[in-house]
Amino acid sequence: MMDKPLIQVENLNVEFALGRTWLGKPPMLRAVNDVSLDIMPGQFFGLVGES
């Protein structure tokens, strides 16, 4: 029997605006690009990065 994931993420993208502009959209910084993951029961997941 296969367990279902406790957490499932598919195609996650995160972008942040770099400053403000008077006209148009501000330039964007892509922090996360197309990330997918499943965390199954009993698994541990750690994410380390700059703060």
Foldseek 3Di string as FASTA:
>chain_A
DDFAFPDWDFQDWDKDFDDDDPDDGGDIDTPDGGDTDGHHPPDDDDDDDDD
